[in-house]
PDB file of all heavy atoms in Angstrom:
ATOM      1  N   PRO A   1     -15.231-114.757  12.158  1.00  0.00           N
ATOM      2  CA  PRO A   1     -15.238-114.852  10.699  1.00  0.00           C
ATOM      3  C   PRO A   1     -14.076-114.104  10.063  1.00  0.00           C
ATOM      4  O   PRO A   1     -13.389-113.320  10.723  1.00  0.00           O
ATOM      5  CB  PRO A   1     -16.565-114.164  10.339  1.00  0.00           C
ATOM      6  CG  PRO A   1     -16.701-113.113  11.401  1.00  0.00           C
ATOM      7  CD  PRO A   1     -16.123-113.717  12.662  1.00  0.00           C
ATOM      8  N   TYR A   2     -13.872-114.343   8.796  1.00  0.00           N
ATOM      9  CA  TYR A   2     -12.958-113.528   8.011  1.00  0.00           C
ATOM     10  C   TYR A   2     -13.703-112.323   7.454  1.00  0.00           C
ATOM     11  O   TYR A   2     -14.865-112.436   7.052  1.00  0.00           O
ATOM     12  CB  TYR A   2     -12.355-114.331   6.850  1.00  0.00           C
ATOM     13  CG  TYR A   2     -11.246-115.258   7.261  1.00  0.00           C
ATOM     14  CD1 TYR A   2     -11.486-116.613   7.455  1.00  0.00           C
ATOM     15  CD2 TYR A   2      -9.953-114.771   7.463  1.00  0.00           C
ATOM     16  CE1 TYR A   2     -10.460-117.469   7.844  1.00  0.00           C
ATOM     17  CE2 TYR A   2      -8.927-115.620   7.854  1.00  0.00           C
ATOM     18  CZ  TYR A   2      -9.190-116.960   8.053  1.00  0.00           C
ATOM     19  OH  TYR A   2      -8.187-117.803   8.444  1.00  0.00           O
ATOM     20  N   ALA A   3     -13.038-111.185   7.443  1.00  0.00           N
ATOM     21  CA  ALA A   3     -13.558-110.021   6.732  1.00  0.00           C
ATOM     22  C   ALA A   3     -13.217-110.186   5.259  1.00  0.00           C
ATOM     23  O   ALA A   3     -12.077-110.538   4.921  1.00  0.00           O
ATOM     24  CB  ALA A   3     -12.944-108.731   7.274  1.00  0.00           C
ATOM     25  N   LEU A   4     -14.186-109.938   4.385  1.00  0.00           N
ATOM     26  CA  LEU A   4     -14.012-110.162   2.948  1.00  0.00           C
ATOM     27  C   LEU A   4     -14.472-108.940   2.154  1.00  0.00           C
ATOM     28  O   LEU A   4     -15.385-109.014   1.334  1.00  0.00           O
ATOM     29  CB  LEU A   4     -14.809-111.410   2.532  1.00  0.00           C
ATOM     30  CG  LEU A   4     -14.510-112.690   3.322  1.00  0.00           C
ATOM     31  CD1 LEU A   4     -15.531-113.779   2.977  1.00  0.00           C
ATOM     32  CD2 LEU A   4     -13.087-113.167   3.063  1.00  0.00           C
ATOM     33  N   PRO A   5     -13.864-107.790   2.391  1.00  0.00           N
ATOM     34  CA  PRO A   5     -14.305-106.585   1.691  1.00  0.00           C
ATOM     35  C   PRO A   5     -13.903-106.572   0.227  1.00  0.00           C
ATOM     36  O   PRO A   5     -12.881-107.126  -0.174  1.00  0.00           O
ATOM     37  CB  PRO A   5     -13.605-105.456   2.457  1.00  0.00           C
ATOM     38  CG  PRO A   5     -12.408-106.090   3.058  1.00  0.00           C
ATOM     39  CD  PRO A   5     -12.797-107.499   3.368  1.00  0.00           C
ATOM     40  N   VAL A   6     -14.721-105.902  -0.572  1.00  0.00           N
ATOM     41  CA  VAL A   6     -14.429-105.688  -1.982  1.00  0.00           C
ATOM     42  C   VAL A   6     -14.591-104.196  -2.257  1.00  0.00           C
ATOM     43  O   VAL A   6     -15.497-103.549  -1.733  1.00  0.00           O
ATOM     44  CB  VAL A   6     -15.371-106.530  -2.879  1.00  0.00           C
ATOM     45  CG1 VAL A   6     -16.814-106.132  -2.714  1.00  0.00           C
ATOM     46  CG2 VAL A   6     -14.962-106.448  -4.344  1.00  0.00           C
ATOM     47  N   VAL A   7     -13.670-103.636  -3.056  1.00  0.00           N
ATOM     48  CA  VAL A   7     -13.645-102.203  -3.329  1.00  0.00           C
ATOM     49  C   VAL A   7     -13.453-101.988  -4.826  1.00  0.00           C
ATOM     50  O   VAL A   7     -12.599-102.631  -5.453  1.00  0.00           O
ATOM     51  CB  VAL A   7     -12.487-101.506  -2.576  1.00  0.00           C
ATOM     52  CG1 VAL A   7     -12.562 -99.992  -2.754  1.00  0.00           C
ATOM     53  CG2 VAL A   7     -12.504-101.864  -1.099  1.00  0.00           C
ATOM     54  N   GLN A   8     -14.232-101.069  -5.372  1.00  0.00           N
ATOM     55  CA  GLN A   8     -14.069-100.718  -6.784  1.00  0.00           C
ATOM     56  C   GLN A   8     -12.634-100.259  -7.056  1.00  0.00           C
ATOM     57  O   GLN A   8     -12.038 -99.528  -6.260  1.00  0.00           O
ATOM     58  CB  GLN A   8     -15.028 -99.579  -7.153  1.00  0.00           C
ATOM     59  CG  GLN A   8     -16.473-100.006  -7.310  1.00  0.00           C
ATOM     60  CD  GLN A   8     -16.801-100.367  -8.743  1.00  0.00           C
ATOM     61  OE1 GLN A   8     -15.932-100.391  -9.609  1.00  0.00           O
ATOM     62  NE2 GLN A   8     -18.080-100.641  -9.003  1.00  0.00           N
ATOM     63  N   ARG A   9     -12.089-100.695  -8.172  1.00  0.00           N
ATOM     64  CA  ARG A   9     -10.693-100.378  -8.496  1.00  0.00           C
ATOM     65  C   ARG A   9     -10.436 -98.893  -8.749  1.00  0.00           C
ATOM     66  O   ARG A   9      -9.274 -98.459  -8.730  1.00  0.00           O
ATOM     67  CB  ARG A   9     -10.246-101.171  -9.731  1.00  0.00           C
ATOM     68  CG  ARG A   9      -9.796-102.585  -9.413  1.00  0.00           C
ATOM     69  CD  ARG A   9      -9.287-103.281 -10.666  1.00  0.00           C
ATOM     70  NE  ARG A   9      -8.668-104.555 -10.346  1.00  0.00           N
ATOM     71  CZ  ARG A   9      -7.383-104.716 -10.068  1.00  0.00           C
ATOM     72  NH1 ARG A   9      -6.588-103.665 -10.078  1.00  0.00           N
ATOM     73  NH2 ARG A   9      -6.895-105.900  -9.775  1.00  0.00           N
ATOM     74  N   ARG A  10     -11.474 -98.123  -8.994  1.00  0.00           N
ATOM     75  CA  ARG A  10     -11.238 -96.708  -9.272  1.00  0.00           C
ATOM     76  C   ARG A  10     -10.712 -95.953  -8.048  1.00  0.00           C
ATOM     77  O   ARG A  10     -10.162 -94.851  -8.179  1.00  0.00           O
ATOM     78  CB  ARG A  10     -12.505 -96.034  -9.804  1.00  0.00           C
ATOM     79  CG  ARG A  10     -13.647 -95.922  -8.839  1.00  0.00           C
ATOM     80  CD  ARG A  10     -14.948 -95.575  -9.581  1.00  0.00           C
ATOM     81  NE  ARG A  10     -16.063 -95.372  -8.666  1.00  0.00           N
ATOM     82  CZ  ARG A  10     -16.494 -94.191  -8.250  1.00  0.00           C
ATOM     83  NH1 ARG A  10     -15.905 -93.095  -8.690  1.00  0.00           N
ATOM     84  NH2 ARG A  10     -17.506 -94.087  -7.437  1.00  0.00           N
ATOM     85  N   PHE A  11     -10.832 -96.548  -6.861  1.00  0.00           N
ATOM     86  CA  PHE A  11     -10.368 -95.879  -5.644  1.00  0.00           C
ATOM     87  C   PHE A  11      -8.888 -96.149  -5.438  1.00  0.00           C
ATOM     88  O   PHE A  11      -8.445 -97.299  -5.436  1.00  0.00           O
ATOM     89  CB  PHE A  11     -11.196 -96.328  -4.439  1.00  0.00           C
ATOM     90  CG  PHE A  11     -12.613 -95.866  -4.544  1.00  0.00           C
ATOM     91  CD1 PHE A  11     -13.585 -96.697  -5.070  1.00  0.00           C
ATOM     92  CD2 PHE A  11     -12.964 -94.579  -4.181  1.00  0.00           C
ATOM     93  CE1 PHE A  11     -14.887 -96.260  -5.219  1.00  0.00           C
ATOM     94  CE2 PHE A  11     -14.268 -94.136  -4.329  1.00  0.00           C
ATOM     95  CZ  PHE A  11     -15.234 -94.967  -4.852  1.00  0.00           C
ATOM     96  N   GLN A  12      -8.138 -95.082  -5.266  1.00  0.00           N
ATOM     97  CA  GLN A  12      -6.693 -95.135  -5.107  1.00  0.00           C
ATOM     98  C   GLN A  12      -6.310 -94.731  -3.678  1.00  0.00           C
ATOM     99  O   GLN A  12      -7.097 -94.159  -2.946  1.00  0.00           O
ATOM    100  CB  GLN A  12      -6.028 -94.191  -6.108  1.00  0.00           C
ATOM    101  CG  GLN A  12      -6.464 -94.401  -7.552  1.00  0.00           C
ATOM    102  CD  GLN A  12      -6.081 -95.763  -8.078  1.00  0.00           C
ATOM    103  OE1 GLN A  12      -4.935 -96.204  -7.935  1.00  0.00           O
ATOM    104  NE2 GLN A  12      -7.030 -96.455  -8.693  1.00  0.00           N
ATOM    105  N   GLY A  13      -5.068 -95.037  -3.319  1.00  0.00           N
ATOM    106  CA  GLY A  13      -4.574 -94.647  -2.004  1.00  0.00           C
ATOM    107  C   GLY A  13      -4.847 -95.653  -0.910  1.00  0.00           C
ATOM    108  O   GLY A  13      -4.578 -95.393   0.258  1.00  0.00           O
ATOM    109  N   ILE A  14      -5.376 -96.822  -1.270  1.00  0.00           N
ATOM    110  CA  ILE A  14      -5.643 -97.865  -0.283  1.00  0.00           C
ATOM    111  C   ILE A  14      -4.320 -98.549   0.055  1.00  0.00           C
ATOM    112  O   ILE A  14      -3.628 -99.040  -0.835  1.00  0.00           O
ATOM    113  CB  ILE A  14      -6.652 -98.890  -0.822  1.00  0.00           C
ATOM    114  CG1 ILE A  14      -7.966 -98.188  -1.204  1.00  0.00           C
ATOM    115  CG2 ILE A  14      -6.908 -99.982   0.199  1.00  0.00           C
ATOM    116  CD1 ILE A  14      -8.964 -99.088  -1.909  1.00  0.00           C
ATOM    117  N   GLU A  15      -3.975 -98.579   1.335  1.00  0.00           N
ATOM    118  CA  GLU A  15      -2.708 -99.150   1.769  1.00  0.00           C
ATOM    119  C   GLU A  15      -2.961-100.140   2.907  1.00  0.00           C
ATOM    120  O   GLU A  15      -2.970 -99.758   4.075  1.00  0.00           O
ATOM    121  CB  GLU A  15      -1.748 -98.043   2.219  1.00  0.00           C
ATOM    122  CG  GLU A  15      -1.403 -97.056   1.106  1.00  0.00           C
ATOM    123  CD  GLU A  15      -0.470 -95.948   1.563  1.00  0.00           C
ATOM    124  OE1 GLU A  15      -0.171 -95.901   2.785  1.00  0.00           O
ATOM    125  OE2 GLU A  15      -0.043 -95.142   0.723  1.00  0.00           O
ATOM    126  N   PRO A  16      -3.197-101.404   2.604  1.00  0.00           N
ATOM    127  CA  PRO A  16      -3.459-102.394   3.653  1.00  0.00           C
ATOM    128  C   PRO A  16      -2.356-102.410   4.708  1.00  0.00           C
ATOM    129  O   PRO A  16      -1.169-102.318   4.390  1.00  0.00           O
ATOM    130  CB  PRO A  16      -3.505-103.713   2.885  1.00  0.00           C
ATOM    131  CG  PRO A  16      -3.883-103.319   1.483  1.00  0.00           C
ATOM    132  CD  PRO A  16      -3.222-101.996   1.253  1.00  0.00           C
ATOM    133  N   ALA A  17      -2.765-102.499   5.967  1.00  0.00           N
ATOM    134  CA  ALA A  17      -1.815-102.499   7.079  1.00  0.00           C
ATOM    135  C   ALA A  17      -2.432-103.284   8.224  1.00  0.00           C
ATOM    136  O   ALA A  17      -3.510-103.859   8.094  1.00  0.00           O
ATOM    137  CB  ALA A  17      -1.506-101.049   7.489  1.00  0.00           C
ATOM    138  N   LEU A  18      -1.764-103.295   9.349  1.00  0.00           N
ATOM    139  CA  LEU A  18      -2.283-104.008  10.504  1.00  0.00           C
ATOM    140  C   LEU A  18      -3.659-103.499  10.903  1.00  0.00           C
ATOM    141  O   LEU A  18      -4.482-104.237  11.437  1.00  0.00           O
ATOM    142  CB  LEU A  18      -1.319-103.878  11.690  1.00  0.00           C
ATOM    143  CG  LEU A  18       0.032-104.574  11.530  1.00  0.00           C
ATOM    144  CD1 LEU A  18       0.880-104.320  12.751  1.00  0.00           C
ATOM    145  CD2 LEU A  18      -0.147-106.057  11.295  1.00  0.00           C
ATOM    146  N   ALA A  19      -3.926-102.229  10.644  1.00  0.00           N
ATOM    147  CA  ALA A  19      -5.211-101.631  11.011  1.00  0.00           C
ATOM    148  C   ALA A  19      -6.287-101.874   9.969  1.00  0.00           C
ATOM    149  O   ALA A  19      -7.378-101.331  10.071  1.00  0.00           O
ATOM    150  CB  ALA A  19      -5.029-100.123  11.230  1.00  0.00           C
ATOM    151  N   GLY A  20      -6.013-102.665   8.950  1.00  0.00           N
ATOM    152  CA  GLY A  20      -7.019-102.922   7.926  1.00  0.00           C
ATOM    153  C   GLY A  20      -6.787-102.054   6.708  1.00  0.00           C
ATOM    154  O   GLY A  20      -5.645-101.818   6.298  1.00  0.00           O
ATOM    155  N   ILE A  21      -7.871-101.561   6.120  1.00  0.00           N
ATOM    156  CA  ILE A  21      -7.715-100.708   4.938  1.00  0.00           C
ATOM    157  C   ILE A  21      -8.401 -99.353   5.083  1.00  0.00           C
ATOM    158  O   ILE A  21      -8.168 -98.463   4.262  1.00  0.00           O
ATOM    159  CB  ILE A  21      -8.229-101.397   3.658  1.00  0.00           C
ATOM    160  CG1 ILE A  21      -9.714-101.711   3.758  1.00  0.00           C
ATOM    161  CG2 ILE A  21      -7.435-102.650   3.359  1.00  0.00           C
ATOM    162  CD1 ILE A  21     -10.306-102.269   2.472  1.00  0.00           C
ATOM    163  N   MET A  22      -9.226 -99.167   6.103  1.00  0.00           N
ATOM    164  CA  MET A  22      -9.964 -97.913   6.212  1.00  0.00           C
ATOM    165  C   MET A  22      -9.284 -96.850   7.070  1.00  0.00           C
ATOM    166  O   MET A  22      -9.774 -95.731   7.190  1.00  0.00           O
ATOM    167  CB  MET A  22     -11.363 -98.179   6.789  1.00  0.00           C
ATOM    168  CG  MET A  22     -12.322 -98.862   5.835  1.00  0.00           C
ATOM    169  SD  MET A  22     -12.884 -97.787   4.497  1.00  0.00           S
ATOM    170  CE  MET A  22     -14.029 -96.746   5.378  1.00  0.00           C
ATOM    171  N   TYR A  23      -8.176 -97.170   7.695  1.00  0.00           N
ATOM    172  CA  TYR A  23      -7.543 -96.239   8.633  1.00  0.00           C
ATOM    173  C   TYR A  23      -7.143 -94.926   7.957  1.00  0.00           C
ATOM    174  O   TYR A  23      -7.091 -93.880   8.589  1.00  0.00           O
ATOM    175  CB  TYR A  23      -6.312 -96.896   9.272  1.00  0.00           C
ATOM    176  CG  TYR A  23      -5.163 -97.072   8.316  1.00  0.00           C
ATOM    177  CD1 TYR A  23      -4.174 -96.102   8.182  1.00  0.00           C
ATOM    178  CD2 TYR A  23      -5.093 -98.197   7.496  1.00  0.00           C
ATOM    179  CE1 TYR A  23      -3.145 -96.254   7.264  1.00  0.00           C
ATOM    180  CE2 TYR A  23      -4.075 -98.360   6.591  1.00  0.00           C
ATOM    181  CZ  TYR A  23      -3.097 -97.393   6.477  1.00  0.00           C
ATOM    182  OH  TYR A  23      -2.088 -97.538   5.561  1.00  0.00           O
ATOM    183  N   ASN A  24      -6.844 -94.959   6.650  1.00  0.00           N
ATOM    184  CA  ASN A  24      -6.429 -93.744   5.939  1.00  0.00           C
ATOM    185  C   ASN A  24      -7.483 -93.303   4.927  1.00  0.00           C
ATOM    186  O   ASN A  24      -7.164 -92.724   3.886  1.00  0.00           O
ATOM    187  CB  ASN A  24      -5.090 -93.967   5.229  1.00  0.00           C
ATOM    188  CG  ASN A  24      -5.218 -94.910   4.034  1.00  0.00           C
ATOM    189  OD1 ASN A  24      -6.131 -95.740   3.982  1.00  0.00           O
ATOM    190  ND2 ASN A  24      -4.331 -94.785   3.060  1.00  0.00           N
ATOM    191  N   PHE A  25      -8.743 -93.561   5.241  1.00  0.00           N
ATOM    192  CA  PHE A  25      -9.820 -93.280   4.293  1.00  0.00           C
ATOM    193  C   PHE A  25      -9.820 -91.826   3.818  1.00  0.00           C
ATOM    194  O   PHE A  25     -10.172 -91.539   2.668  1.00  0.00           O
ATOM    195  CB  PHE A  25     -11.169 -93.611   4.942  1.00  0.00           C
ATOM    196  CG  PHE A  25     -12.350 -93.316   4.065  1.00  0.00           C
ATOM    197  CD1 PHE A  25     -12.564 -94.020   2.890  1.00  0.00           C
ATOM    198  CD2 PHE A  25     -13.252 -92.315   4.406  1.00  0.00           C
ATOM    199  CE1 PHE A  25     -13.650 -93.745   2.077  1.00  0.00           C
ATOM    200  CE2 PHE A  25     -14.341 -92.031   3.603  1.00  0.00           C
ATOM    201  CZ  PHE A  25     -14.539 -92.745   2.428  1.00  0.00           C
ATOM    202  N   GLU A  26      -9.409 -90.903   4.686  1.00  0.00           N
ATOM    203  CA  GLU A  26      -9.382 -89.480   4.293  1.00  0.00           C
ATOM    204  C   GLU A  26      -8.463 -89.244   3.091  1.00  0.00           C
ATOM    205  O   GLU A  26      -8.610 -88.234   2.389  1.00  0.00           O
ATOM    206  CB  GLU A  26      -8.883 -88.620   5.463  1.00  0.00           C
ATOM    207  CG  GLU A  26      -9.723 -88.717   6.720  1.00  0.00           C
ATOM    208  CD  GLU A  26      -8.943 -88.274   7.944  1.00  0.00           C
ATOM    209  OE1 GLU A  26      -8.083 -87.385   7.796  1.00  0.00           O
ATOM    210  OE2 GLU A  26      -9.181 -88.809   9.034  1.00  0.00           O
ATOM    211  N   LYS A  27      -7.525 -90.167   2.855  1.00  0.00           N
ATOM    212  CA  LYS A  27      -6.567 -89.988   1.772  1.00  0.00           C
ATOM    213  C   LYS A  27      -6.879 -90.833   0.544  1.00  0.00           C
ATOM    214  O   LYS A  27      -6.130 -90.802  -0.430  1.00  0.00           O
ATOM    215  CB  LYS A  27      -5.150 -90.282   2.282  1.00  0.00           C
ATOM    216  CG  LYS A  27      -4.697 -89.305   3.353  1.00  0.00           C
ATOM    217  CD  LYS A  27      -3.268 -89.581   3.812  1.00  0.00           C
ATOM    218  CE  LYS A  27      -2.831 -88.572   4.857  1.00  0.00           C
ATOM    219  NZ  LYS A  27      -1.453 -88.833   5.328  1.00  0.00           N
ATOM    220  N   TRP A  28      -7.956 -91.595   0.590  1.00  0.00           N
ATOM    221  CA  TRP A  28      -8.384 -92.282  -0.631  1.00  0.00           C
ATOM    222  C   TRP A  28      -8.750 -91.230  -1.671  1.00  0.00           C
ATOM    223  O   TRP A  28      -9.207 -90.126  -1.341  1.00  0.00           O
ATOM    224  CB  TRP A  28      -9.602 -93.144  -0.348  1.00  0.00           C
ATOM    225  CG  TRP A  28      -9.348 -94.395   0.441  1.00  0.00           C
ATOM    226  CD1 TRP A  28      -8.295 -94.672   1.253  1.00  0.00           C
ATOM    227  CD2 TRP A  28     -10.218 -95.526   0.502  1.00  0.00           C
ATOM    228  NE1 TRP A  28      -8.436 -95.904   1.821  1.00  0.00           N
ATOM    229  CE2 TRP A  28      -9.613 -96.466   1.381  1.00  0.00           C
ATOM    230  CE3 TRP A  28     -11.436 -95.852  -0.085  1.00  0.00           C
ATOM    231  CZ2 TRP A  28     -10.204 -97.691   1.683  1.00  0.00           C
ATOM    232  CZ3 TRP A  28     -12.019 -97.069   0.206  1.00  0.00           C
ATOM    233  CH2 TRP A  28     -11.404 -97.988   1.080  1.00  0.00           C
ATOM    234  N   TRP A  29      -8.598 -91.570  -2.938  1.00  0.00           N
ATOM    235  CA  TRP A  29      -8.948 -90.612  -3.977  1.00  0.00           C
ATOM    236  C   TRP A  29      -9.357 -91.343  -5.247  1.00  0.00           C
ATOM    237  O   TRP A  29      -9.178 -92.544  -5.388  1.00  0.00           O
ATOM    238  CB  TRP A  29      -7.791 -89.651  -4.254  1.00  0.00           C
ATOM    239  CG  TRP A  29      -6.495 -90.305  -4.661  1.00  0.00           C
ATOM    240  CD1 TRP A  29      -5.571 -90.897  -3.855  1.00  0.00           C
ATOM    241  CD2 TRP A  29      -5.994 -90.436  -6.002  1.00  0.00           C
ATOM    242  NE1 TRP A  29      -4.519 -91.402  -4.594  1.00  0.00           N
ATOM    243  CE2 TRP A  29      -4.747 -91.122  -5.912  1.00  0.00           C
ATOM    244  CE3 TRP A  29      -6.461 -90.031  -7.249  1.00  0.00           C
ATOM    245  CZ2 TRP A  29      -3.977 -91.410  -7.029  1.00  0.00           C
ATOM    246  CZ3 TRP A  29      -5.681 -90.323  -8.367  1.00  0.00           C
ATOM    247  CH2 TRP A  29      -4.461 -90.992  -8.255  1.00  0.00           C
ATOM    248  N   ILE A  30      -9.950 -90.573  -6.157  1.00  0.00           N
ATOM    249  CA  ILE A  30     -10.477 -91.114  -7.402  1.00  0.00           C
ATOM    250  C   ILE A  30      -9.896 -90.306  -8.566  1.00  0.00           C
ATOM    251  O   ILE A  30      -9.986 -89.068  -8.560  1.00  0.00           O
ATOM    252  CB  ILE A  30     -12.016 -91.007  -7.453  1.00  0.00           C
ATOM    253  CG1 ILE A  30     -12.639 -91.514  -6.163  1.00  0.00           C
ATOM    254  CG2 ILE A  30     -12.579 -91.761  -8.650  1.00  0.00           C
ATOM    255  CD1 ILE A  30     -14.104 -91.125  -5.991  1.00  0.00           C
ATOM    256  N   PRO A  31      -9.312 -90.951  -9.551  1.00  0.00           N
ATOM    257  CA  PRO A  31      -8.844 -90.205 -10.729  1.00  0.00           C
ATOM    258  C   PRO A  31      -9.989 -89.385 -11.331  1.00  0.00           C
ATOM    259  O   PRO A  31     -11.143 -89.823 -11.354  1.00  0.00           O
ATOM    260  CB  PRO A  31      -8.385 -91.309 -11.681  1.00  0.00           C
ATOM    261  CG  PRO A  31      -8.013 -92.445 -10.783  1.00  0.00           C
ATOM    262  CD  PRO A  31      -8.996 -92.391  -9.649  1.00  0.00           C
ATOM    263  N   LYS A  32      -9.672 -88.208 -11.818  1.00  0.00           N
ATOM    264  CA  LYS A  32     -10.690 -87.276 -12.327  1.00  0.00           C
ATOM    265  C   LYS A  32     -11.609 -87.922 -13.356  1.00  0.00           C
ATOM    266  O   LYS A  32     -12.823 -87.724 -13.338  1.00  0.00           O
ATOM    267  CB  LYS A  32     -10.011 -86.055 -12.952  1.00  0.00           C
ATOM    268  CG  LYS A  32      -9.499 -85.031 -11.957  1.00  0.00           C
ATOM    269  CD  LYS A  32     -10.648 -84.299 -11.275  1.00  0.00           C
ATOM    270  CE  LYS A  32     -10.133 -83.191 -10.358  1.00  0.00           C
ATOM    271  NZ  LYS A  32     -11.265 -82.534  -9.642  1.00  0.00           N
TER     272      LYS A  32
END
């Protein structure tokens, strides 16, 4: 199947890459 994730726009730092989008989850952040 295709992966079809959806993420709230308030989350920043998402950088899609060959590894998907969760590989850098530790660096995701939310504006105050």
